[in-house]
Each structure stands twice: as structure tokens, then as C-alpha cells.
């Protein structure tokens, strides 16, 4: 267990990091900012974490999440690529990539990414749930022959 994982208060963690700066501490701070709905600070903390620990897989995923929420999908996808290069078989970068595509209204790319993820990890519940949503959206678009007003899924509503 990482030494900062038990800290759940942003203020306490920031005070600790002032005295004892640490890459994993900043990664945890990024997690907390993301959960608090503050992607700007989450991004800053993720990038600070990467300064300390350039091979921090979770910090790249946090960076991707924050960049997506700040509507920088291409930069978010690059952060997913960086995470994938560190742990090639892990499903989380592919899942994050598919969620970035959904948030950016790019359902065809999300569909392809999810199919690839599920081929490698057939029992991944969140990927299967998101795939059902994406298929439904693509069917609606084909059925109506037009791009409907975006009904972006609230990704935080999907259970991990």
C-alpha cells in the first residue's frame, strides 16, 4: 500500500506534500481533485506527480481524465498512449480512451476501442456496459440518418 493512499482530505494531503513532496502523493492528490470535480487542479497534481515519477501509470490516466474533462481530447488520448506504453496489457488505458471518445461524441472510435478491449478482457463489466451504450447510440444515429442532439453519458454514473 502506498503511503498516501489513506489520506482522503485534500488539505491534509497538501500540507503533507509541502513537507514531504512525493510523486505518489501528488498522484493521490490528483485522484482527490478528480473526485471533487476539479480537473484543473487534478491535472496540475498529475503532472507534478509525473515530474517525480515519470513512469507513473496512474498519473498518466489521471492526466487523461482531467484533459478529457477540460475538453482537450487529443491531449488526453496521448496521455492514454503513455500509460499503455508503460503497462501494455492493462485494460484501463483502453477503457479511458473509449470514454474520451464518448465524451467527444466520437462513437465509432469508441466502439472499435471497446471491441478490442473486450476481445482481450471479455468479462470487463464497465467496458461491456459502455459498449451497450455506444451500440445503442450508433443504432439511433443510423436509424434517424442524422446526428441527434448529443446525449452524452455521464461516465461517473457507470459503476467500476
Protein backbone atom coordinates (compact mmCIF):
# COMPACT_ATOMS: atom_id res chain seq x y z
CA UNK A 1 0.00 0.00 0.00
CA UNK A 2 1.32 3.41 -0.95
CA UNK A 3 1.96 5.76 1.99
CA UNK A 4 -0.54 8.38 0.80
CA UNK A 5 -3.48 6.13 -0.04
CA UNK A 6 -5.04 6.55 3.42
CA UNK A 7 -5.21 10.35 3.12
CA UNK A 8 -8.65 11.40 1.91
CA UNK A 9 -8.63 15.10 2.79
CA UNK A 10 -7.17 17.43 0.17
CA UNK A 11 -5.97 19.93 2.77
CA UNK A 12 -4.20 17.27 4.85
CA UNK A 13 -2.52 15.81 1.79
CA UNK A 14 -1.39 19.23 0.52
CA UNK A 15 0.14 20.03 3.92
CA UNK A 16 1.91 16.66 3.95
CA UNK A 17 3.27 17.24 0.44
CA UNK A 18 4.63 20.65 1.45
CA UNK A 19 6.83 18.88 3.99
CA UNK A 20 7.39 15.64 2.11
CA UNK A 21 6.93 16.06 -1.67
CA UNK A 22 6.40 12.73 -3.40
CA UNK A 23 5.19 11.56 -6.79
CA UNK A 24 2.70 9.08 -5.39
CA UNK A 25 1.39 11.75 -3.03
CA UNK A 26 0.71 14.07 -5.94
CA UNK A 27 -0.94 11.20 -7.81
CA UNK A 28 -3.25 10.71 -4.80
CA UNK A 29 -3.91 14.46 -4.71
CA UNK A 30 -4.85 14.27 -8.38
CA UNK A 31 -7.29 11.45 -7.55
CA UNK A 32 -8.89 13.56 -4.85
CA UNK A 33 -9.23 16.61 -7.09
CA UNK A 34 -10.83 14.45 -9.80
CA UNK A 35 -13.31 13.05 -7.27
CA UNK A 36 -14.02 16.60 -6.08
CA UNK A 37 -14.78 17.70 -9.66
CA UNK A 38 -11.75 19.95 -10.06
CA UNK A 39 -9.95 18.80 -13.23
CA UNK A 40 -7.70 21.88 -13.42
CA UNK A 41 -6.09 21.13 -10.07
CA UNK A 42 -6.21 17.40 -10.79
CA UNK A 43 -4.22 17.97 -13.97
CA UNK A 44 -1.64 20.09 -12.16
CA UNK A 45 -1.23 17.42 -9.47
CA UNK A 46 -0.96 14.61 -12.07
CA UNK A 47 1.73 16.50 -13.94
CA UNK A 48 3.62 17.23 -10.73
CA UNK A 49 3.44 13.52 -9.94
CA UNK A 50 4.97 12.76 -13.33
CA UNK A 51 7.83 15.15 -12.62
CA UNK A 52 8.71 12.98 -9.60
CA UNK A 53 7.77 9.63 -11.13
CA UNK A 54 7.88 9.80 -14.97
CA UNK A 55 6.77 6.16 -15.22
CA UNK A 56 3.70 6.57 -13.00
CA UNK A 57 0.97 4.71 -14.88
CA UNK A 58 -1.89 6.02 -12.71
CA UNK A 59 -0.72 9.63 -13.03
CA UNK A 60 -0.95 9.35 -16.84
CA UNK A 61 -4.51 8.00 -16.51
CA UNK A 62 -5.37 10.89 -14.18
CA UNK A 63 -3.84 13.31 -16.68
CA UNK A 64 -6.01 11.77 -19.42
CA UNK A 65 -9.16 12.04 -17.29
CA UNK A 66 -8.51 15.69 -16.47
CA UNK A 67 -7.64 16.64 -20.04
CA UNK A 68 -10.82 14.99 -21.27
CA UNK A 69 -12.93 16.84 -18.70
CA UNK A 70 -11.23 20.08 -19.77
CA UNK A 71 -12.17 19.21 -23.38
CA UNK A 72 -8.69 18.50 -24.74
CA UNK A 73 -9.43 15.04 -26.16
CA UNK A 74 -6.35 14.74 -28.38
CA UNK A 75 -4.01 15.53 -25.50
CA UNK A 76 -5.99 13.12 -23.30
CA UNK A 77 -5.52 10.36 -25.87
CA UNK A 78 -1.75 10.98 -25.84
CA UNK A 79 -1.76 10.53 -22.07
CA UNK A 80 -3.57 7.19 -22.60
CA UNK A 81 -0.87 6.20 -25.08
CA UNK A 82 1.80 7.00 -22.49
CA UNK A 83 0.03 4.84 -19.90
CA UNK A 84 -0.37 1.99 -22.41
CA UNK A 85 3.32 2.10 -23.21
CA UNK A 86 4.13 1.57 -19.52
CA UNK A 87 1.74 -1.36 -18.96
CA UNK A 88 0.73 -2.67 -22.42
CA UNK A 89 -1.74 -5.36 -21.30
CA UNK A 90 -3.67 -3.26 -18.80
CA UNK A 91 -7.28 -2.56 -19.87
CA UNK A 92 -7.56 0.82 -18.13
CA UNK A 93 -5.94 2.96 -20.86
CA UNK A 94 -8.23 1.41 -23.49
CA UNK A 95 -11.25 2.00 -21.28
CA UNK A 96 -10.18 5.59 -20.64
CA UNK A 97 -9.60 6.04 -24.39
CA UNK A 98 -13.13 4.81 -25.14
CA UNK A 99 -14.61 7.16 -22.54
CA UNK A 100 -12.69 10.07 -24.07
CA UNK A 101 -14.16 9.18 -27.46
CA UNK A 102 -17.67 9.03 -25.98
CA UNK A 103 -17.22 12.37 -24.22
CA UNK A 104 -16.02 13.85 -27.52
CA UNK A 105 -19.03 12.39 -29.39
CA UNK A 106 -16.81 10.02 -31.41
CA UNK A 107 -18.87 6.87 -31.04
CA UNK A 108 -17.37 4.90 -33.93
CA UNK A 109 -13.88 5.17 -32.44
CA UNK A 110 -15.28 4.31 -29.01
CA UNK A 111 -16.95 1.23 -30.50
CA UNK A 112 -13.72 0.00 -32.11
CA UNK A 113 -11.73 0.58 -28.94
CA UNK A 114 -14.28 -1.20 -26.77
CA UNK A 115 -14.45 -4.19 -29.11
CA UNK A 116 -10.66 -4.50 -28.89
CA UNK A 117 -10.74 -4.18 -25.09
CA UNK A 118 -13.49 -6.78 -24.72
CA UNK A 119 -11.71 -9.18 -27.07
CA UNK A 120 -8.76 -9.08 -24.65
CA UNK A 121 -10.85 -8.86 -21.44
CA UNK A 122 -14.29 -10.39 -22.17
CA UNK A 123 -15.56 -10.12 -18.59
CA UNK A 124 -14.78 -6.42 -18.13
CA UNK A 125 -18.13 -5.19 -16.77
CA UNK A 126 -17.70 -1.46 -17.34
CA UNK A 127 -16.42 -1.99 -20.89
CA UNK A 128 -19.41 -4.20 -21.70
CA UNK A 129 -21.80 -1.68 -20.17
CA UNK A 130 -20.25 1.20 -22.12
CA UNK A 131 -20.29 -0.89 -25.32
CA UNK A 132 -24.06 -1.38 -24.96
CA UNK A 133 -24.49 2.39 -24.67
CA UNK A 134 -22.25 3.05 -27.68
CA UNK A 135 -24.05 0.44 -29.82
CA UNK A 136 -27.40 1.99 -28.90
CA UNK A 137 -26.16 5.45 -29.84
CA UNK A 138 -24.77 4.24 -33.17
CA UNK A 139 -28.04 2.41 -33.96
CA UNK A 140 -30.03 5.58 -33.21
CA UNK A 141 -27.81 7.62 -35.48
CA UNK A 142 -28.15 5.09 -38.30
CA UNK A 143 -31.92 4.77 -37.78
CA UNK A 144 -32.57 8.51 -37.91
CA UNK A 145 -29.98 9.24 -40.58
CA UNK A 146 -28.82 12.33 -38.74
CA UNK A 147 -26.65 13.14 -35.81
CA UNK A 148 -29.09 13.54 -32.91
CA UNK A 149 -28.51 16.14 -30.25
CA UNK A 150 -25.77 14.71 -28.10
CA UNK A 151 -26.95 12.59 -25.23
CA UNK A 152 -23.56 12.28 -23.65
CA UNK A 153 -23.43 9.64 -21.00
CA UNK A 154 -22.44 10.72 -17.54
CA UNK A 155 -19.46 8.41 -17.20
CA UNK A 156 -19.30 8.76 -13.43
CA UNK A 157 -22.73 7.06 -13.30
CA UNK A 158 -21.26 3.83 -14.65
CA UNK A 159 -20.10 1.52 -11.87
CA UNK A 160 -16.48 0.40 -11.96
